[in-house]
Amino acid sequence: MSTANTMRMILNPYQKAKIALATMKNDKTFVELAGEFQVHPSQLSEWKKVLEKFAYRLFSPNSKSKEEQRIAELERMIGQREAEIEWLKKISHS
C-alpha cells in the first residue's frame, strides 16, 4: 500500500461560508468548485445543506452570540455526559 504525502487543508468558518455561498450561485458544478477550492464534492454538498438550513438565523431577532451558543452547546454536552455516567454506574452495579 502506498502512502500519499498529502496534507489535509483546514478551513476556517469564513472560508467554509464563502465556499458554501459559491455553491448557491449554481454557475459551476460541484466538481468544478471542488477543484477550485480543493474540497471534496460531497463536502460542498454538506456545507450547502447547512447554509440552506441555518441561514435564517442570521436574520433572527433572537439569535444568540457565538459565545452564548458555544456555552449552551457545552452545557448540553455536559448534561449528556452526566446522564451517560449515571447510566453506566447503574448498569455496572447490576
C-alpha atoms as a PDB file:
ATOM      1  CA  MET A   1       0.000   0.000   0.000  1.00  0.00           C
ATOM      2  CA  SER A   2       1.480   3.347  -0.973  1.00  0.00           C
ATOM      3  CA  THR A   3       1.262   6.335   1.296  1.00  0.00           C
ATOM      4  CA  ALA A   4       0.280   9.656  -0.154  1.00  0.00           C
ATOM      5  CA  ASN A   5       2.136  12.668   1.111  1.00  0.00           C
ATOM      6  CA  THR A   6      -0.853  14.978   1.242  1.00  0.00           C
ATOM      7  CA  MET A   7      -1.832  17.405   3.924  1.00  0.00           C
ATOM      8  CA  ARG A   8      -5.423  17.987   4.789  1.00  0.00           C
ATOM      9  CA  MET A   9      -6.372  21.614   4.348  1.00  0.00           C
ATOM     10  CA  ILE A  10      -8.056  23.158   7.379  1.00  0.00           C
ATOM     11  CA  LEU A  11     -10.613  25.804   6.533  1.00  0.00           C
ATOM     12  CA  ASN A  12     -11.909  28.382   8.955  1.00  0.00           C
ATOM     13  CA  PRO A  13     -15.651  29.145   9.218  1.00  0.00           C
ATOM     14  CA  TYR A  14     -15.300  32.224   6.995  1.00  0.00           C
ATOM     15  CA  GLN A  15     -13.734  30.147   4.217  1.00  0.00           C
ATOM     16  CA  LYS A  16     -16.392  27.433   4.552  1.00  0.00           C
ATOM     17  CA  ALA A  17     -19.149  30.051   4.340  1.00  0.00           C
ATOM     18  CA  LYS A  18     -17.572  31.600   1.256  1.00  0.00           C
ATOM     19  CA  ILE A  19     -17.385  28.201  -0.422  1.00  0.00           C
ATOM     20  CA  ALA A  20     -20.966  27.311   0.611  1.00  0.00           C
ATOM     21  CA  LEU A  21     -22.178  30.601  -0.868  1.00  0.00           C
ATOM     22  CA  ALA A  22     -20.378  29.742  -4.111  1.00  0.00           C
ATOM     23  CA  THR A  23     -22.429  26.525  -4.300  1.00  0.00           C
ATOM     24  CA  MET A  24     -25.622  28.581  -4.086  1.00  0.00           C
ATOM     25  CA  LYS A  25     -24.802  30.573  -7.226  1.00  0.00           C
ATOM     26  CA  ASN A  26     -25.289  27.485  -9.409  1.00  0.00           C
ATOM     27  CA  ASP A  27     -22.900  28.868 -12.038  1.00  0.00           C
ATOM     28  CA  LYS A  28     -20.418  25.996 -11.583  1.00  0.00           C
ATOM     29  CA  THR A  29     -20.817  22.318 -10.900  1.00  0.00           C
ATOM     30  CA  PHE A  30     -19.814  20.802  -7.596  1.00  0.00           C
ATOM     31  CA  VAL A  31     -16.914  19.091  -9.366  1.00  0.00           C
ATOM     32  CA  GLU A  32     -15.680  22.425 -10.733  1.00  0.00           C
ATOM     33  CA  LEU A  33     -15.974  24.070  -7.319  1.00  0.00           C
ATOM     34  CA  ALA A  34     -14.299  21.107  -5.647  1.00  0.00           C
ATOM     35  CA  GLY A  35     -11.311  21.518  -7.927  1.00  0.00           C
ATOM     36  CA  GLU A  36     -11.207  25.255  -7.417  1.00  0.00           C
ATOM     37  CA  PHE A  37     -11.354  25.086  -3.614  1.00  0.00           C
ATOM     38  CA  GLN A  38      -9.584  21.730  -3.148  1.00  0.00           C
ATOM     39  CA  VAL A  39     -12.585  20.289  -1.287  1.00  0.00           C
ATOM     40  CA  HIS A  40     -14.412  17.015  -1.944  1.00  0.00           C
ATOM     41  CA  PRO A  41     -17.737  17.475  -3.790  1.00  0.00           C
ATOM     42  CA  SER A  42     -19.642  15.668  -1.023  1.00  0.00           C
ATOM     43  CA  GLN A  43     -18.268  18.195   1.481  1.00  0.00           C
ATOM     44  CA  LEU A  44     -19.553  21.007  -0.732  1.00  0.00           C
ATOM     45  CA  SER A  45     -22.962  19.393  -0.755  1.00  0.00           C
ATOM     46  CA  GLU A  46     -22.939  19.139   3.042  1.00  0.00           C
ATOM     47  CA  TRP A  47     -21.935  22.786   3.517  1.00  0.00           C
ATOM     48  CA  LYS A  48     -24.639  23.896   1.076  1.00  0.00           C
ATOM     49  CA  LYS A  49     -27.257  21.952   3.066  1.00  0.00           C
ATOM     50  CA  VAL A  50     -26.037  23.551   6.311  1.00  0.00           C
ATOM     51  CA  LEU A  51     -26.222  27.011   4.745  1.00  0.00           C
ATOM     52  CA  GLU A  52     -29.740  26.387   3.447  1.00  0.00           C
ATOM     53  CA  LYS A  53     -30.880  25.017   6.805  1.00  0.00           C
ATOM     54  CA  PHE A  54     -29.416  27.681   9.101  1.00  0.00           C
ATOM     55  CA  ALA A  55     -29.094  30.901   7.056  1.00  0.00           C
ATOM     56  CA  TYR A  56     -32.348  32.219   8.535  1.00  0.00           C
ATOM     57  CA  ARG A  57     -30.610  32.519  11.908  1.00  0.00           C
ATOM     58  CA  LEU A  58     -28.636  35.484  10.605  1.00  0.00           C
ATOM     59  CA  PHE A  59     -31.863  37.457  10.433  1.00  0.00           C
ATOM     60  CA  SER A  60     -33.469  36.131  13.594  1.00  0.00           C
ATOM     61  CA  PRO A  61     -34.048  38.816  16.250  1.00  0.00           C
ATOM     62  CA  ASN A  62     -33.450  36.216  18.986  1.00  0.00           C
ATOM     63  CA  SER A  63     -30.133  34.937  17.692  1.00  0.00           C
ATOM     64  CA  LYS A  64     -27.509  34.326  20.345  1.00  0.00           C
ATOM     65  CA  SER A  65     -23.907  35.456  20.227  1.00  0.00           C
ATOM     66  CA  LYS A  66     -21.242  32.929  19.330  1.00  0.00           C
ATOM     67  CA  GLU A  67     -20.178  32.732  22.959  1.00  0.00           C
ATOM     68  CA  GLU A  68     -23.731  32.115  24.149  1.00  0.00           C
ATOM     69  CA  GLN A  69     -24.215  29.430  21.518  1.00  0.00           C
ATOM     70  CA  ARG A  70     -20.952  27.736  22.496  1.00  0.00           C
ATOM     71  CA  ILE A  71     -21.830  27.857  26.200  1.00  0.00           C
ATOM     72  CA  ALA A  72     -25.265  26.375  25.502  1.00  0.00           C
ATOM     73  CA  GLU A  73     -23.707  23.605  23.419  1.00  0.00           C
ATOM     74  CA  LEU A  74     -21.117  22.821  26.117  1.00  0.00           C
ATOM     75  CA  GLU A  75     -23.818  22.764  28.797  1.00  0.00           C
ATOM     76  CA  ARG A  76     -25.850  20.367  26.664  1.00  0.00           C
ATOM     77  CA  MET A  77     -22.808  18.131  26.206  1.00  0.00           C
ATOM     78  CA  ILE A  78     -22.062  18.155  29.950  1.00  0.00           C
ATOM     79  CA  GLY A  79     -25.643  17.181  30.725  1.00  0.00           C
ATOM     80  CA  GLN A  80     -25.490  14.373  28.210  1.00  0.00           C
ATOM     81  CA  ARG A  81     -22.203  13.089  29.676  1.00  0.00           C
ATOM     82  CA  GLU A  82     -23.594  13.235  33.208  1.00  0.00           C
ATOM     83  CA  ALA A  83     -26.597  11.178  32.120  1.00  0.00           C
ATOM     84  CA  GLU A  84     -24.294   8.663  30.398  1.00  0.00           C
ATOM     85  CA  ILE A  85     -22.132   8.387  33.525  1.00  0.00           C
ATOM     86  CA  GLU A  86     -25.181   7.772  35.727  1.00  0.00           C
ATOM     87  CA  TRP A  87     -26.445   5.129  33.308  1.00  0.00           C
ATOM     88  CA  LEU A  88     -23.042   3.413  33.269  1.00  0.00           C
ATOM     89  CA  LYS A  89     -22.934   3.466  37.077  1.00  0.00           C
ATOM     90  CA  LYS A  90     -26.359   1.825  37.236  1.00  0.00           C
ATOM     91  CA  ILE A  91     -25.524  -0.946  34.797  1.00  0.00           C
ATOM     92  CA  SER A  92     -22.126  -1.625  36.375  1.00  0.00           C
ATOM     93  CA  HIS A  93     -23.767  -2.229  39.776  1.00  0.00           C
ATOM     94  CA  SER A  94     -26.289  -4.665  38.321  1.00  0.00           C
END
